Full PDB file with SEQRES, HELIX, SHEET, SSBOND, CRYST1, ORIGX, SCALE, CONECT and MASTER records, all heavy atoms in Angstrom:
SEQRES   1 A   42  GLU ILE THR PRO THR GLY ALA VAL VAL THR LEU GLY GLY          
SEQRES   2 A   42  LYS ASN GLY ALA GLY LYS SER SER VAL LEU ASN ALA ILE          
SEQRES   3 A   42  GLU LEU ALA LEU ALA GLY LEU ARG ASP ALA PRO PRO VAL          
SEQRES   4 A   42  PRO VAL ARG                                                  
HELIX    1 AA1 LYS A   19  ALA A   31  1                                  13    
CRYST1    1.000    1.000    1.000  90.00  90.00  90.00 P 1           1          
ORIGX1      1.000000  0.000000  0.000000        0.00000                         
ORIGX2      0.000000  1.000000  0.000000        0.00000                         
ORIGX3      0.000000  0.000000  1.000000        0.00000                         
SCALE1      1.000000  0.000000  0.000000        0.00000                         
SCALE2      0.000000  1.000000  0.000000        0.00000                         
SCALE3      0.000000  0.000000  1.000000        0.00000                         
ATOM      1  N   GLU A   1      98.548 107.904 100.498  1.00  0.00           N  
ATOM      2  CA  GLU A   1      99.952 107.521 100.635  1.00  0.00           C  
ATOM      3  C   GLU A   1     100.082 106.659 101.887  1.00  0.00           C  
ATOM      4  O   GLU A   1      99.710 107.085 102.978  1.00  0.00           O  
ATOM      5  CB  GLU A   1     100.848 108.756 100.735  1.00  0.00           C  
ATOM      6  CG  GLU A   1     100.870 109.605  99.464  1.00  0.00           C  
ATOM      7  CD  GLU A   1     101.822 110.785  99.567  1.00  0.00           C  
ATOM      8  OE1 GLU A   1     102.355 111.015 100.671  1.00  0.00           O  
ATOM      9  OE2 GLU A   1     102.032 111.467  98.547  1.00  0.00           O  
ATOM     10  N   ILE A   2     100.596 105.461 101.696  1.00  0.00           N  
ATOM     11  CA  ILE A   2     100.688 104.504 102.811  1.00  0.00           C  
ATOM     12  C   ILE A   2     102.084 103.908 102.832  1.00  0.00           C  
ATOM     13  O   ILE A   2     102.602 103.461 101.799  1.00  0.00           O  
ATOM     14  CB  ILE A   2      99.645 103.376 102.662  1.00  0.00           C  
ATOM     15  CG1 ILE A   2      98.218 103.952 102.684  1.00  0.00           C  
ATOM     16  CG2 ILE A   2      99.822 102.332 103.758  1.00  0.00           C  
ATOM     17  CD1 ILE A   2      97.141 102.912 102.406  1.00  0.00           C  
ATOM     18  N   THR A   3     102.673 103.914 104.013  1.00  0.00           N  
ATOM     19  CA  THR A   3     103.955 103.248 104.227  1.00  0.00           C  
ATOM     20  C   THR A   3     103.727 102.134 105.248  1.00  0.00           C  
ATOM     21  O   THR A   3     103.655 102.379 106.455  1.00  0.00           O  
ATOM     22  CB  THR A   3     105.017 104.228 104.756  1.00  0.00           C  
ATOM     23  OG1 THR A   3     105.159 105.314 103.825  1.00  0.00           O  
ATOM     24  CG2 THR A   3     106.361 103.527 104.929  1.00  0.00           C  
ATOM     25  N   PRO A   4     103.537 100.889 104.785  1.00  0.00           N  
ATOM     26  CA  PRO A   4     103.241  99.792 105.706  1.00  0.00           C  
ATOM     27  C   PRO A   4     104.342  99.596 106.732  1.00  0.00           C  
ATOM     28  O   PRO A   4     105.540  99.762 106.432  1.00  0.00           O  
ATOM     29  CB  PRO A   4     103.122  98.576 104.784  1.00  0.00           C  
ATOM     30  CG  PRO A   4     102.798  99.154 103.440  1.00  0.00           C  
ATOM     31  CD  PRO A   4     103.544 100.452 103.386  1.00  0.00           C  
ATOM     32  N   THR A   5     103.932  99.257 107.951  1.00  0.00           N  
ATOM     33  CA  THR A   5     104.905  99.039 109.034  1.00  0.00           C  
ATOM     34  C   THR A   5     104.889  97.613 109.563  1.00  0.00           C  
ATOM     35  O   THR A   5     105.656  97.289 110.456  1.00  0.00           O  
ATOM     36  CB  THR A   5     104.604 100.004 110.194  1.00  0.00           C  
ATOM     37  OG1 THR A   5     103.253  99.787 110.648  1.00  0.00           O  
ATOM     38  CG2 THR A   5     104.769 101.447 109.750  1.00  0.00           C  
ATOM     39  N   GLY A   6     104.007  96.773 109.044  1.00  0.00           N  
ATOM     40  CA  GLY A   6     103.927  95.402 109.536  1.00  0.00           C  
ATOM     41  C   GLY A   6     103.499  94.456 108.427  1.00  0.00           C  
ATOM     42  O   GLY A   6     103.357  94.844 107.262  1.00  0.00           O  
ATOM     43  N   ALA A   7     103.282  93.226 108.823  1.00  0.00           N  
ATOM     44  CA  ALA A   7     102.900  92.211 107.846  1.00  0.00           C  
ATOM     45  C   ALA A   7     101.445  92.341 107.422  1.00  0.00           C  
ATOM     46  O   ALA A   7     101.049  91.810 106.385  1.00  0.00           O  
ATOM     47  CB  ALA A   7     103.140  90.810 108.417  1.00  0.00           C  
ATOM     48  N   VAL A   8     100.625  93.037 108.221  1.00  0.00           N  
ATOM     49  CA  VAL A   8      99.209  93.213 107.916  1.00  0.00           C  
ATOM     50  C   VAL A   8      98.909  94.697 107.796  1.00  0.00           C  
ATOM     51  O   VAL A   8      99.291  95.493 108.671  1.00  0.00           O  
ATOM     52  CB  VAL A   8      98.312  92.571 108.988  1.00  0.00           C  
ATOM     53  CG1 VAL A   8      96.837  92.888 108.719  1.00  0.00           C  
ATOM     54  CG2 VAL A   8      98.531  91.063 109.025  1.00  0.00           C  
ATOM     55  N   VAL A   9      98.219  95.059 106.711  1.00  0.00           N  
ATOM     56  CA  VAL A   9      97.769  96.438 106.510  1.00  0.00           C  
ATOM     57  C   VAL A   9      96.250  96.398 106.477  1.00  0.00           C  
ATOM     58  O   VAL A   9      95.659  95.818 105.563  1.00  0.00           O  
ATOM     59  CB  VAL A   9      98.315  97.036 105.205  1.00  0.00           C  
ATOM     60  CG1 VAL A   9      97.833  98.473 105.033  1.00  0.00           C  
ATOM     61  CG2 VAL A   9      99.835  96.953 105.168  1.00  0.00           C  
ATOM     62  N   THR A  10      95.612  96.989 107.484  1.00  0.00           N  
ATOM     63  CA  THR A  10      94.152  96.975 107.577  1.00  0.00           C  
ATOM     64  C   THR A  10      93.606  98.307 107.091  1.00  0.00           C  
ATOM     65  O   THR A  10      93.978  99.367 107.608  1.00  0.00           O  
ATOM     66  CB  THR A  10      93.690  96.716 109.017  1.00  0.00           C  
ATOM     67  OG1 THR A  10      94.245  95.474 109.474  1.00  0.00           O  
ATOM     68  CG2 THR A  10      92.183  96.651 109.088  1.00  0.00           C  
ATOM     69  N   LEU A  11      92.714  98.241 106.101  1.00  0.00           N  
ATOM     70  CA  LEU A  11      92.059  99.431 105.563  1.00  0.00           C  
ATOM     71  C   LEU A  11      90.628  99.463 106.087  1.00  0.00           C  
ATOM     72  O   LEU A  11      89.838  98.556 105.821  1.00  0.00           O  
ATOM     73  CB  LEU A  11      92.055  99.410 104.033  1.00  0.00           C  
ATOM     74  CG  LEU A  11      93.421  99.337 103.343  1.00  0.00           C  
ATOM     75  CD1 LEU A  11      93.236  99.312 101.826  1.00  0.00           C  
ATOM     76  CD2 LEU A  11      94.284 100.528 103.748  1.00  0.00           C  
ATOM     77  N   GLY A  12      90.306 100.504 106.860  1.00  0.00           N  
ATOM     78  CA  GLY A  12      88.958 100.634 107.400  1.00  0.00           C  
ATOM     79  C   GLY A  12      88.228 101.790 106.738  1.00  0.00           C  
ATOM     80  O   GLY A  12      88.788 102.574 105.972  1.00  0.00           O  
ATOM     81  N   GLY A  13      86.939 101.894 107.065  1.00  0.00           N  
ATOM     82  CA  GLY A  13      86.140 102.978 106.512  1.00  0.00           C  
ATOM     83  C   GLY A  13      84.788 102.486 106.067  1.00  0.00           C  
ATOM     84  O   GLY A  13      84.544 101.282 105.924  1.00  0.00           O  
ATOM     85  N   LYS A  14      83.883 103.432 105.847  1.00  0.00           N  
ATOM     86  CA  LYS A  14      82.532 103.087 105.441  1.00  0.00           C  
ATOM     87  C   LYS A  14      82.520 102.546 104.017  1.00  0.00           C  
ATOM     88  O   LYS A  14      83.467 102.740 103.248  1.00  0.00           O  
ATOM     89  CB  LYS A  14      81.635 104.316 105.543  1.00  0.00           C  
ATOM     90  CG  LYS A  14      81.495 104.872 106.960  1.00  0.00           C  
ATOM     91  CD  LYS A  14      80.593 106.098 106.967  1.00  0.00           C  
ATOM     92  CE  LYS A  14      80.452 106.667 108.379  1.00  0.00           C  
ATOM     93  NZ  LYS A  14      79.590 107.886 108.399  1.00  0.00           N  
ATOM     94  N   ASN A  15      81.404 101.912 103.671  1.00  0.00           N  
ATOM     95  CA  ASN A  15      81.228 101.455 102.301  1.00  0.00           C  
ATOM     96  C   ASN A  15      81.239 102.660 101.361  1.00  0.00           C  
ATOM     97  O   ASN A  15      80.595 103.681 101.622  1.00  0.00           O  
ATOM     98  CB  ASN A  15      79.911 100.696 102.149  1.00  0.00           C  
ATOM     99  CG  ASN A  15      79.933  99.376 102.889  1.00  0.00           C  
ATOM    100  OD1 ASN A  15      81.004  98.798 103.106  1.00  0.00           O  
ATOM    101  ND2 ASN A  15      78.770  98.883 103.290  1.00  0.00           N  
ATOM    102  N   GLY A  16      81.974 102.529 100.243  1.00  0.00           N  
ATOM    103  CA  GLY A  16      82.057 103.614  99.277  1.00  0.00           C  
ATOM    104  C   GLY A  16      83.113 104.647  99.602  1.00  0.00           C  
ATOM    105  O   GLY A  16      83.272 105.621  98.853  1.00  0.00           O  
ATOM    106  N   ALA A  17      83.851 104.454 100.699  1.00  0.00           N  
ATOM    107  CA  ALA A  17      84.851 105.452 101.097  1.00  0.00           C  
ATOM    108  C   ALA A  17      86.105 105.378 100.225  1.00  0.00           C  
ATOM    109  O   ALA A  17      86.845 106.354 100.117  1.00  0.00           O  
ATOM    110  CB  ALA A  17      85.230 105.266 102.562  1.00  0.00           C  
ATOM    111  N   GLY A  18      86.366 104.211  99.631  1.00  0.00           N  
ATOM    112  CA  GLY A  18      87.548 104.077  98.786  1.00  0.00           C  
ATOM    113  C   GLY A  18      88.478 102.952  99.178  1.00  0.00           C  
ATOM    114  O   GLY A  18      89.569 102.826  98.605  1.00  0.00           O  
ATOM    115  N   LYS A  19      88.067 102.106 100.160  1.00  0.00           N  
ATOM    116  CA  LYS A  19      88.937 100.989 100.584  1.00  0.00           C  
ATOM    117  C   LYS A  19      89.217 100.051  99.412  1.00  0.00           C  
ATOM    118  O   LYS A  19      90.383  99.708  99.142  1.00  0.00           O  
ATOM    119  CB  LYS A  19      88.262 100.201 101.728  1.00  0.00           C  
ATOM    120  CG  LYS A  19      87.883 101.009 102.934  1.00  0.00           C  
ATOM    121  CD  LYS A  19      87.342 100.126 104.031  1.00  0.00           C  
ATOM    122  CE  LYS A  19      86.114  99.322 103.605  1.00  0.00           C  
ATOM    123  NZ  LYS A  19      84.969 100.178 103.232  1.00  0.00           N  
ATOM    124  N   SER A  20      88.149  99.640  98.749  1.00  0.00           N  
ATOM    125  CA  SER A  20      88.323  98.716  97.620  1.00  0.00           C  
ATOM    126  C   SER A  20      89.125  99.363  96.506  1.00  0.00           C  
ATOM    127  O   SER A  20      89.904  98.690  95.814  1.00  0.00           O  
ATOM    128  CB  SER A  20      86.954  98.273  97.085  1.00  0.00           C  
ATOM    129  OG  SER A  20      86.234  97.564  98.062  1.00  0.00           O  
ATOM    130  N   SER A  21      88.953 100.679  96.323  1.00  0.00           N  
ATOM    131  CA  SER A  21      89.696 101.359  95.255  1.00  0.00           C  
ATOM    132  C   SER A  21      91.197 101.320  95.499  1.00  0.00           C  
ATOM    133  O   SER A  21      91.996 101.263  94.551  1.00  0.00           O  
ATOM    134  CB  SER A  21      89.223 102.812  95.134  1.00  0.00           C  
ATOM    135  OG  SER A  21      87.884 102.877  94.666  1.00  0.00           O  
ATOM    136  N   VAL A  22      91.618 101.385  96.784  1.00  0.00           N  
ATOM    137  CA  VAL A  22      93.049 101.294  97.085  1.00  0.00           C  
ATOM    138  C   VAL A  22      93.598  99.941  96.638  1.00  0.00           C  
ATOM    139  O   VAL A  22      94.633  99.862  95.965  1.00  0.00           O  
ATOM    140  CB  VAL A  22      93.304 101.508  98.595  1.00  0.00           C  
ATOM    141  CG1 VAL A  22      94.781 101.247  98.924  1.00  0.00           C  
ATOM    142  CG2 VAL A  22      92.916 102.921  99.004  1.00  0.00           C  
ATOM    143  N   LEU A  23      92.892  98.853  97.008  1.00  0.00           N  
ATOM    144  CA  LEU A  23      93.341  97.514  96.602  1.00  0.00           C  
ATOM    145  C   LEU A  23      93.274  97.347  95.089  1.00  0.00           C  
ATOM    146  O   LEU A  23      94.175  96.762  94.473  1.00  0.00           O  
ATOM    147  CB  LEU A  23      92.493  96.443  97.291  1.00  0.00           C  
ATOM    148  CG  LEU A  23      92.495  96.447  98.823  1.00  0.00           C  
ATOM    149  CD1 LEU A  23      91.720  95.253  99.364  1.00  0.00           C  
ATOM    150  CD2 LEU A  23      93.918  96.443  99.364  1.00  0.00           C  
ATOM    151  N   ASN A  24      92.197  97.848  94.480  1.00  0.00           N  
ATOM    152  CA  ASN A  24      92.072  97.740  93.021  1.00  0.00           C  
ATOM    153  C   ASN A  24      93.181  98.518  92.314  1.00  0.00           C  
ATOM    154  O   ASN A  24      93.654  98.109  91.246  1.00  0.00           O  
ATOM    155  CB  ASN A  24      90.706  98.253  92.565  1.00  0.00           C  
ATOM    156  CG  ASN A  24      89.568  97.340  93.008  1.00  0.00           C  
ATOM    157  OD1 ASN A  24      89.805  96.168  93.290  1.00  0.00           O  
ATOM    158  ND2 ASN A  24      88.368  97.863  93.068  1.00  0.00           N  
ATOM    159  N   ALA A  25      93.582  99.652  92.895  1.00  0.00           N  
ATOM    160  CA  ALA A  25      94.665 100.444  92.292  1.00  0.00           C  
ATOM    161  C   ALA A  25      95.975  99.663  92.307  1.00  0.00           C  
ATOM    162  O   ALA A  25      96.746  99.685  91.330  1.00  0.00           O  
ATOM    163  CB  ALA A  25      94.814 101.761  93.040  1.00  0.00           C  
ATOM    164  N   ILE A  26      96.247  98.972  93.419  1.00  0.00           N  
ATOM    165  CA  ILE A  26      97.452  98.140  93.489  1.00  0.00           C  
ATOM    166  C   ILE A  26      97.394  97.057  92.402  1.00  0.00           C  
ATOM    167  O   ILE A  26      98.377  96.818  91.685  1.00  0.00           O  
ATOM    168  CB  ILE A  26      97.595  97.493  94.879  1.00  0.00           C  
ATOM    169  CG1 ILE A  26      97.758  98.568  95.962  1.00  0.00           C  
ATOM    170  CG2 ILE A  26      98.770  96.518  94.899  1.00  0.00           C  
ATOM    171  CD1 ILE A  26      97.737  98.021  97.374  1.00  0.00           C  
ATOM    172  N   GLU A  27      96.239  96.420  92.287  1.00  0.00           N  
ATOM    173  CA  GLU A  27      96.095  95.351  91.293  1.00  0.00           C  
ATOM    174  C   GLU A  27      96.230  95.899  89.877  1.00  0.00           C  
ATOM    175  O   GLU A  27      96.843  95.255  89.010  1.00  0.00           O  
ATOM    176  CB  GLU A  27      94.745  94.651  91.473  1.00  0.00           C  
ATOM    177  CG  GLU A  27      94.623  93.376  90.664  1.00  0.00           C  
ATOM    178  CD  GLU A  27      93.445  92.522  91.101  1.00  0.00           C  
ATOM    179  OE1 GLU A  27      92.752  92.904  92.064  1.00  0.00           O  
ATOM    180  OE2 GLU A  27      93.233  91.486  90.465  1.00  0.00           O  
ATOM    181  N   LEU A  28      95.662  97.081  89.614  1.00  0.00           N  
ATOM    182  CA  LEU A  28      95.808  97.694  88.293  1.00  0.00           C  
ATOM    183  C   LEU A  28      97.285  97.967  87.984  1.00  0.00           C  
ATOM    184  O   LEU A  28      97.745  97.754  86.856  1.00  0.00           O  
ATOM    185  CB  LEU A  28      95.026  99.003  88.220  1.00  0.00           C  
ATOM    186  CG  LEU A  28      93.519  98.915  88.021  1.00  0.00           C  
ATOM    187  CD1 LEU A  28      92.885 100.295  88.094  1.00  0.00           C  
ATOM    188  CD2 LEU A  28      93.205  98.265  86.689  1.00  0.00           C  
ATOM    189  N   ALA A  29      98.006  98.433  88.970  1.00  0.00           N  
ATOM    190  CA  ALA A  29      99.415  98.762  88.744  1.00  0.00           C  
ATOM    191  C   ALA A  29     100.237  97.522  88.437  1.00  0.00           C  
ATOM    192  O   ALA A  29     101.100  97.537  87.550  1.00  0.00           O  
ATOM    193  CB  ALA A  29      99.980  99.479  89.971  1.00  0.00           C  
ATOM    194  N   LEU A  30      99.980  96.425  89.154  1.00  0.00           N  
ATOM    195  CA  LEU A  30     100.819  95.241  89.024  1.00  0.00           C  
ATOM    196  C   LEU A  30     100.315  94.250  87.981  1.00  0.00           C  
ATOM    197  O   LEU A  30     101.105  93.682  87.227  1.00  0.00           O  
ATOM    198  CB  LEU A  30     100.931  94.536  90.379  1.00  0.00           C  
ATOM    199  CG  LEU A  30     101.544  95.359  91.520  1.00  0.00           C  
ATOM    200  CD1 LEU A  30     101.589  94.539  92.797  1.00  0.00           C  
ATOM    201  CD2 LEU A  30     102.933  95.852  91.154  1.00  0.00           C  
ATOM    202  N   ALA A  31      99.000  94.036  87.947  1.00  0.00           N  
ATOM    203  CA  ALA A  31      98.450  92.986  87.075  1.00  0.00           C  
ATOM    204  C   ALA A  31      98.129  93.477  85.683  1.00  0.00           C  
ATOM    205  O   ALA A  31      97.936  92.675  84.769  1.00  0.00           O  
ATOM    206  CB  ALA A  31      97.195  92.383  87.713  1.00  0.00           C  
ATOM    207  N   GLY A  32      98.030  94.786  85.496  1.00  0.00           N  
ATOM    208  CA  GLY A  32      97.732  95.275  84.166  1.00  0.00           C  
ATOM    209  C   GLY A  32      96.261  95.609  83.998  1.00  0.00           C  
ATOM    210  O   GLY A  32      95.493  95.676  84.965  1.00  0.00           O  
ATOM    211  N   LEU A  33      95.853  95.797  82.770  1.00  0.00           N  
ATOM    212  CA  LEU A  33      94.537  96.362  82.478  1.00  0.00           C  
ATOM    213  C   LEU A  33      93.525  95.310  82.031  1.00  0.00           C  
ATOM    214  O   LEU A  33      92.487  95.652  81.455  1.00  0.00           O  
ATOM    215  CB  LEU A  33      94.680  97.428  81.369  1.00  0.00           C  
ATOM    216  CG  LEU A  33      95.677  98.555  81.665  1.00  0.00           C  
ATOM    217  CD1 LEU A  33      95.722  99.525  80.506  1.00  0.00           C  
ATOM    218  CD2 LEU A  33      95.298  99.282  82.953  1.00  0.00           C  
ATOM    219  N   ARG A  34      93.794  94.034  82.284  1.00  0.00           N  
ATOM    220  CA  ARG A  34      92.856  93.009  81.829  1.00  0.00           C  
ATOM    221  C   ARG A  34      91.473  93.194  82.433  1.00  0.00           C  
ATOM    222  O   ARG A  34      90.463  92.988  81.772  1.00  0.00           O  
ATOM    223  CB  ARG A  34      93.398  91.614  82.185  1.00  0.00           C  
ATOM    224  CG  ARG A  34      94.532  91.161  81.270  1.00  0.00           C  
ATOM    225  CD  ARG A  34      95.132  89.861  81.755  1.00  0.00           C  
ATOM    226  NE  ARG A  34      95.844  90.047  83.020  1.00  0.00           N  
ATOM    227  CZ  ARG A  34      96.524  89.086  83.638  1.00  0.00           C  
ATOM    228  NH1 ARG A  34      96.560  87.874  83.120  1.00  0.00           N  
ATOM    229  NH2 ARG A  34      97.168  89.336  84.769  1.00  0.00           N  
ATOM    230  N   ASP A  35      91.406  93.576  83.693  1.00  0.00           N  
ATOM    231  CA  ASP A  35      90.123  93.774  84.363  1.00  0.00           C  
ATOM    232  C   ASP A  35      89.887  95.232  84.728  1.00  0.00           C  
ATOM    233  O   ASP A  35      89.089  95.533  85.628  1.00  0.00           O  
ATOM    234  CB  ASP A  35      90.058  92.906  85.635  1.00  0.00           C  
ATOM    235  CG  ASP A  35      90.182  91.427  85.316  1.00  0.00           C  
ATOM    236  OD1 ASP A  35      89.660  91.015  84.278  1.00  0.00           O  
ATOM    237  OD2 ASP A  35      90.818  90.706  86.104  1.00  0.00           O  
ATOM    238  N   ALA A  36      90.578  96.130  84.058  1.00  0.00           N  
ATOM    239  CA  ALA A  36      90.454  97.548  84.392  1.00  0.00           C  
ATOM    240  C   ALA A  36      89.085  98.078  83.965  1.00  0.00           C  
ATOM    241  O   ALA A  36      88.536  97.665  82.945  1.00  0.00           O  
ATOM    242  CB  ALA A  36      91.548  98.347  83.688  1.00  0.00           C  
ATOM    243  N   PRO A  37      88.515  99.000  84.752  1.00  0.00           N  
ATOM    244  CA  PRO A  37      87.263  99.625  84.345  1.00  0.00           C  
ATOM    245  C   PRO A  37      87.493 100.515  83.125  1.00  0.00           C  
ATOM    246  O   PRO A  37      88.636 100.911  82.842  1.00  0.00           O  
ATOM    247  CB  PRO A  37      86.858 100.437  85.580  1.00  0.00           C  
ATOM    248  CG  PRO A  37      88.142 100.720  86.278  1.00  0.00           C  
ATOM    249  CD  PRO A  37      89.008  99.518  86.041  1.00  0.00           C  
ATOM    250  N   PRO A  38      86.428 100.872  82.416  1.00  0.00           N  
ATOM    251  CA  PRO A  38      86.609 101.708  81.221  1.00  0.00           C  
ATOM    252  C   PRO A  38      87.268 103.060  81.519  1.00  0.00           C  
ATOM    253  O   PRO A  38      88.038 103.573  80.705  1.00  0.00           O  
ATOM    254  CB  PRO A  38      85.176 101.884  80.702  1.00  0.00           C  
ATOM    255  CG  PRO A  38      84.415 100.730  81.270  1.00  0.00           C  
ATOM    256  CD  PRO A  38      85.040 100.445  82.593  1.00  0.00           C  
ATOM    257  N   VAL A  39      86.946 103.624  82.696  1.00  0.00           N  
ATOM    258  CA  VAL A  39      87.507 104.927  83.061  1.00  0.00           C  
ATOM    259  C   VAL A  39      88.151 104.794  84.441  1.00  0.00           C  
ATOM    260  O   VAL A  39      87.496 104.996  85.470  1.00  0.00           O  
ATOM    261  CB  VAL A  39      86.428 106.028  83.078  1.00  0.00           C  
ATOM    262  CG1 VAL A  39      87.070 107.391  83.371  1.00  0.00           C  
ATOM    263  CG2 VAL A  39      85.679 106.070  81.758  1.00  0.00           C  
ATOM    264  N   PRO A  40      89.444 104.457  84.511  1.00  0.00           N  
ATOM    265  CA  PRO A  40      90.091 104.300  85.821  1.00  0.00           C  
ATOM    266  C   PRO A  40      90.408 105.621  86.516  1.00  0.00           C  
ATOM    267  O   PRO A  40      90.637 105.647  87.728  1.00  0.00           O  
ATOM    268  CB  PRO A  40      91.371 103.528  85.491  1.00  0.00           C  
ATOM    269  CG  PRO A  40      91.650 103.841  84.064  1.00  0.00           C  
ATOM    270  CD  PRO A  40      90.327 104.048  83.411  1.00  0.00           C  
ATOM    271  N   VAL A  41      90.436 106.736  85.773  1.00  0.00           N  
ATOM    272  CA  VAL A  41      90.754 108.037  86.376  1.00  0.00           C  
ATOM    273  C   VAL A  41      89.546 108.540  87.172  1.00  0.00           C  
ATOM    274  O   VAL A  41      88.397 108.421  86.745  1.00  0.00           O  
ATOM    275  CB  VAL A  41      91.139 109.058  85.286  1.00  0.00           C  
ATOM    276  CG1 VAL A  41      91.441 110.422  85.913  1.00  0.00           C  
ATOM    277  CG2 VAL A  41      92.341 108.557  84.488  1.00  0.00           C  
ATOM    278  N   ARG A  42      89.837 109.088  88.384  1.00  0.00           N  
ATOM    279  CA  ARG A  42      88.762 109.605  89.241  1.00  0.00           C  
ATOM    280  C   ARG A  42      87.995 110.711  88.513  1.00  0.00           C  
ATOM    281  O   ARG A  42      88.563 111.519  87.775  1.00  0.00           O  
ATOM    282  CB  ARG A  42      89.355 110.144  90.548  1.00  0.00           C  
ATOM    283  CG  ARG A  42      88.304 110.589  91.566  1.00  0.00           C  
ATOM    284  CD  ARG A  42      88.980 110.995  92.873  1.00  0.00           C  
ATOM    285  NE  ARG A  42      89.837 112.171  92.682  1.00  0.00           N  
ATOM    286  CZ  ARG A  42      89.378 113.434  92.784  1.00  0.00           C  
ATOM    287  NH1 ARG A  42      88.102 113.676  93.046  1.00  0.00           N  
ATOM    288  NH2 ARG A  42      90.222 114.438  92.617  1.00  0.00           N  
TER     289      ARG A  42                                                      
MASTER        0    0    0    1    0    0    0    6  288    1    0    4          
END                                                                             
């Protein structure tokens, strides 16, 4: 759960921690399922 407070939201963490998944989740929600993985549920 993230409530942005500025114009830039920086996501940090190790590789595989889930940073890319957060961005991909936003894209899945807005852009639709054209590039969705076969199993989007964790």
